[in-house]
Amino acid sequence: MVKKLFVTLATVALYLFISIFTGWWAVTWIIWVFYFVYIVYLIFKDHQ
C-alpha cells in the first residue's frame, strides 16, 4: 500500500515537473501510460 502511494506521488511530481518546466504538456501523457501499466502489473501480481 505504501509502495503504491509512493509511486503515485512520484508519478505526479515527475509529471508536474516535466510539464511545468518544459512545457511538454502534450508529451507527458506517456508518464501516465507507464504508471497505468505499472498499476495493472501490481494488480495482477497481487491476485496470483
N, C-alpha and C. Protein backbone atom coordinates (compact mmCIF):
# COMPACT_ATOMS: atom_id res chain seq x y z
N MET A 1 0.83 -1.20 0.00
CA MET A 1 0.00 0.00 0.00
C MET A 1 0.87 1.26 0.00
N VAL A 2 1.86 1.27 0.85
CA VAL A 2 2.75 2.43 0.94
C VAL A 2 3.54 2.58 -0.35
N LYS A 3 3.93 1.44 -0.92
CA LYS A 3 4.69 1.48 -2.18
C LYS A 3 3.85 2.10 -3.29
N LYS A 4 2.58 1.72 -3.38
CA LYS A 4 1.69 2.28 -4.40
C LYS A 4 1.52 3.79 -4.20
N LEU A 5 1.38 4.22 -2.95
CA LEU A 5 1.23 5.63 -2.66
C LEU A 5 2.49 6.40 -3.06
N PHE A 6 3.66 5.85 -2.74
CA PHE A 6 4.91 6.49 -3.10
C PHE A 6 5.06 6.60 -4.62
N VAL A 7 4.73 5.53 -5.32
CA VAL A 7 4.84 5.54 -6.79
C VAL A 7 3.85 6.56 -7.38
N THR A 8 2.67 6.63 -6.83
CA THR A 8 1.68 7.61 -7.31
C THR A 8 2.18 9.03 -7.09
N LEU A 9 2.68 9.33 -5.92
CA LEU A 9 3.18 10.67 -5.64
C LEU A 9 4.40 11.00 -6.50
N ALA A 10 5.27 10.03 -6.71
CA ALA A 10 6.44 10.25 -7.56
C ALA A 10 6.01 10.50 -9.00
N THR A 11 5.00 9.79 -9.47
CA THR A 11 4.49 9.98 -10.83
C THR A 11 3.90 11.37 -10.99
N VAL A 12 3.11 11.80 -10.02
CA VAL A 12 2.52 13.14 -10.08
C VAL A 12 3.61 14.21 -10.07
N ALA A 13 4.59 14.04 -9.20
CA ALA A 13 5.68 15.02 -9.11
C ALA A 13 6.47 15.08 -10.42
N LEU A 14 6.77 13.92 -10.99
CA LEU A 14 7.50 13.88 -12.25
C LEU A 14 6.69 14.52 -13.37
N TYR A 15 5.41 14.21 -13.42
CA TYR A 15 4.53 14.79 -14.43
C TYR A 15 4.50 16.32 -14.32
N LEU A 16 4.28 16.82 -13.13
CA LEU A 16 4.22 18.27 -12.95
C LEU A 16 5.55 18.94 -13.23
N PHE A 17 6.64 18.33 -12.79
CA PHE A 17 7.96 18.90 -13.03
C PHE A 17 8.24 19.01 -14.52
N ILE A 18 8.05 17.92 -15.24
CA ILE A 18 8.32 17.94 -16.68
C ILE A 18 7.36 18.88 -17.40
N SER A 19 6.10 18.83 -17.05
CA SER A 19 5.10 19.64 -17.74
C SER A 19 5.31 21.14 -17.52
N ILE A 20 5.57 21.53 -16.29
CA ILE A 20 5.70 22.95 -15.98
C ILE A 20 7.02 23.52 -16.49
N PHE A 21 8.12 22.81 -16.27
CA PHE A 21 9.42 23.35 -16.63
C PHE A 21 9.79 23.20 -18.10
N THR A 22 9.17 22.25 -18.79
CA THR A 22 9.49 22.09 -20.21
C THR A 22 8.36 22.54 -21.11
N GLY A 23 7.15 22.58 -20.58
CA GLY A 23 6.00 22.96 -21.39
C GLY A 23 5.53 21.84 -22.32
N TRP A 24 5.99 20.63 -22.06
CA TRP A 24 5.62 19.48 -22.90
C TRP A 24 4.34 18.81 -22.42
N TRP A 25 3.28 19.57 -22.28
CA TRP A 25 2.01 19.02 -21.79
C TRP A 25 1.48 17.93 -22.72
N ALA A 26 1.72 18.07 -24.01
CA ALA A 26 1.19 17.11 -24.98
C ALA A 26 1.98 15.80 -24.98
N VAL A 27 3.19 15.81 -24.45
CA VAL A 27 4.04 14.62 -24.48
C VAL A 27 4.00 13.86 -23.16
N THR A 28 3.73 14.55 -22.07
CA THR A 28 3.85 13.93 -20.75
C THR A 28 2.74 12.93 -20.44
N TRP A 29 1.78 12.77 -21.33
CA TRP A 29 0.77 11.72 -21.11
C TRP A 29 1.43 10.34 -21.10
N ILE A 30 2.61 10.24 -21.69
CA ILE A 30 3.33 8.96 -21.72
C ILE A 30 3.65 8.50 -20.29
N ILE A 31 3.90 9.46 -19.40
CA ILE A 31 4.16 9.12 -17.99
C ILE A 31 2.97 8.38 -17.41
N TRP A 32 1.76 8.84 -17.72
CA TRP A 32 0.56 8.19 -17.19
C TRP A 32 0.35 6.81 -17.79
N VAL A 33 0.78 6.61 -19.03
CA VAL A 33 0.69 5.29 -19.65
C VAL A 33 1.58 4.30 -18.89
N PHE A 34 2.82 4.71 -18.61
CA PHE A 34 3.72 3.85 -17.84
C PHE A 34 3.17 3.59 -16.44
N TYR A 35 2.59 4.60 -15.82
CA TYR A 35 2.00 4.43 -14.49
C TYR A 35 0.85 3.43 -14.54
N PHE A 36 0.01 3.54 -15.55
CA PHE A 36 -1.12 2.62 -15.71
C PHE A 36 -0.63 1.18 -15.86
N VAL A 37 0.38 0.98 -16.69
CA VAL A 37 0.92 -0.35 -16.89
C VAL A 37 1.48 -0.90 -15.57
N TYR A 38 2.15 -0.06 -14.81
CA TYR A 38 2.70 -0.48 -13.53
C TYR A 38 1.59 -0.89 -12.56
N ILE A 39 0.54 -0.11 -12.46
CA ILE A 39 -0.56 -0.43 -11.56
C ILE A 39 -1.26 -1.72 -11.98
N VAL A 40 -1.48 -1.89 -13.27
CA VAL A 40 -2.10 -3.13 -13.75
C VAL A 40 -1.21 -4.33 -13.41
N TYR A 41 0.10 -4.17 -13.57
CA TYR A 41 1.04 -5.23 -13.21
C TYR A 41 0.90 -5.58 -11.71
N LEU A 42 0.84 -4.56 -10.86
CA LEU A 42 0.70 -4.83 -9.43
C LEU A 42 -0.60 -5.52 -9.10
N ILE A 43 -1.67 -5.15 -9.76
CA ILE A 43 -2.97 -5.78 -9.50
C ILE A 43 -2.92 -7.27 -9.87
N PHE A 44 -2.39 -7.56 -11.07
CA PHE A 44 -2.30 -8.97 -11.48
C PHE A 44 -1.35 -9.75 -10.59
N LYS A 45 -0.28 -9.13 -10.15
CA LYS A 45 0.68 -9.79 -9.27
C LYS A 45 0.04 -10.11 -7.92
N ASP A 46 -0.79 -9.21 -7.41
CA ASP A 46 -1.44 -9.42 -6.12
C ASP A 46 -2.48 -10.54 -6.17
N HIS A 47 -3.08 -10.76 -7.34
CA HIS A 47 -4.14 -11.77 -7.46
C HIS A 47 -3.62 -13.14 -7.78
N GLN A 48 -2.34 -13.30 -7.95
CA GLN A 48 -1.80 -14.63 -8.27
C GLN A 48 -1.50 -15.39 -7.00
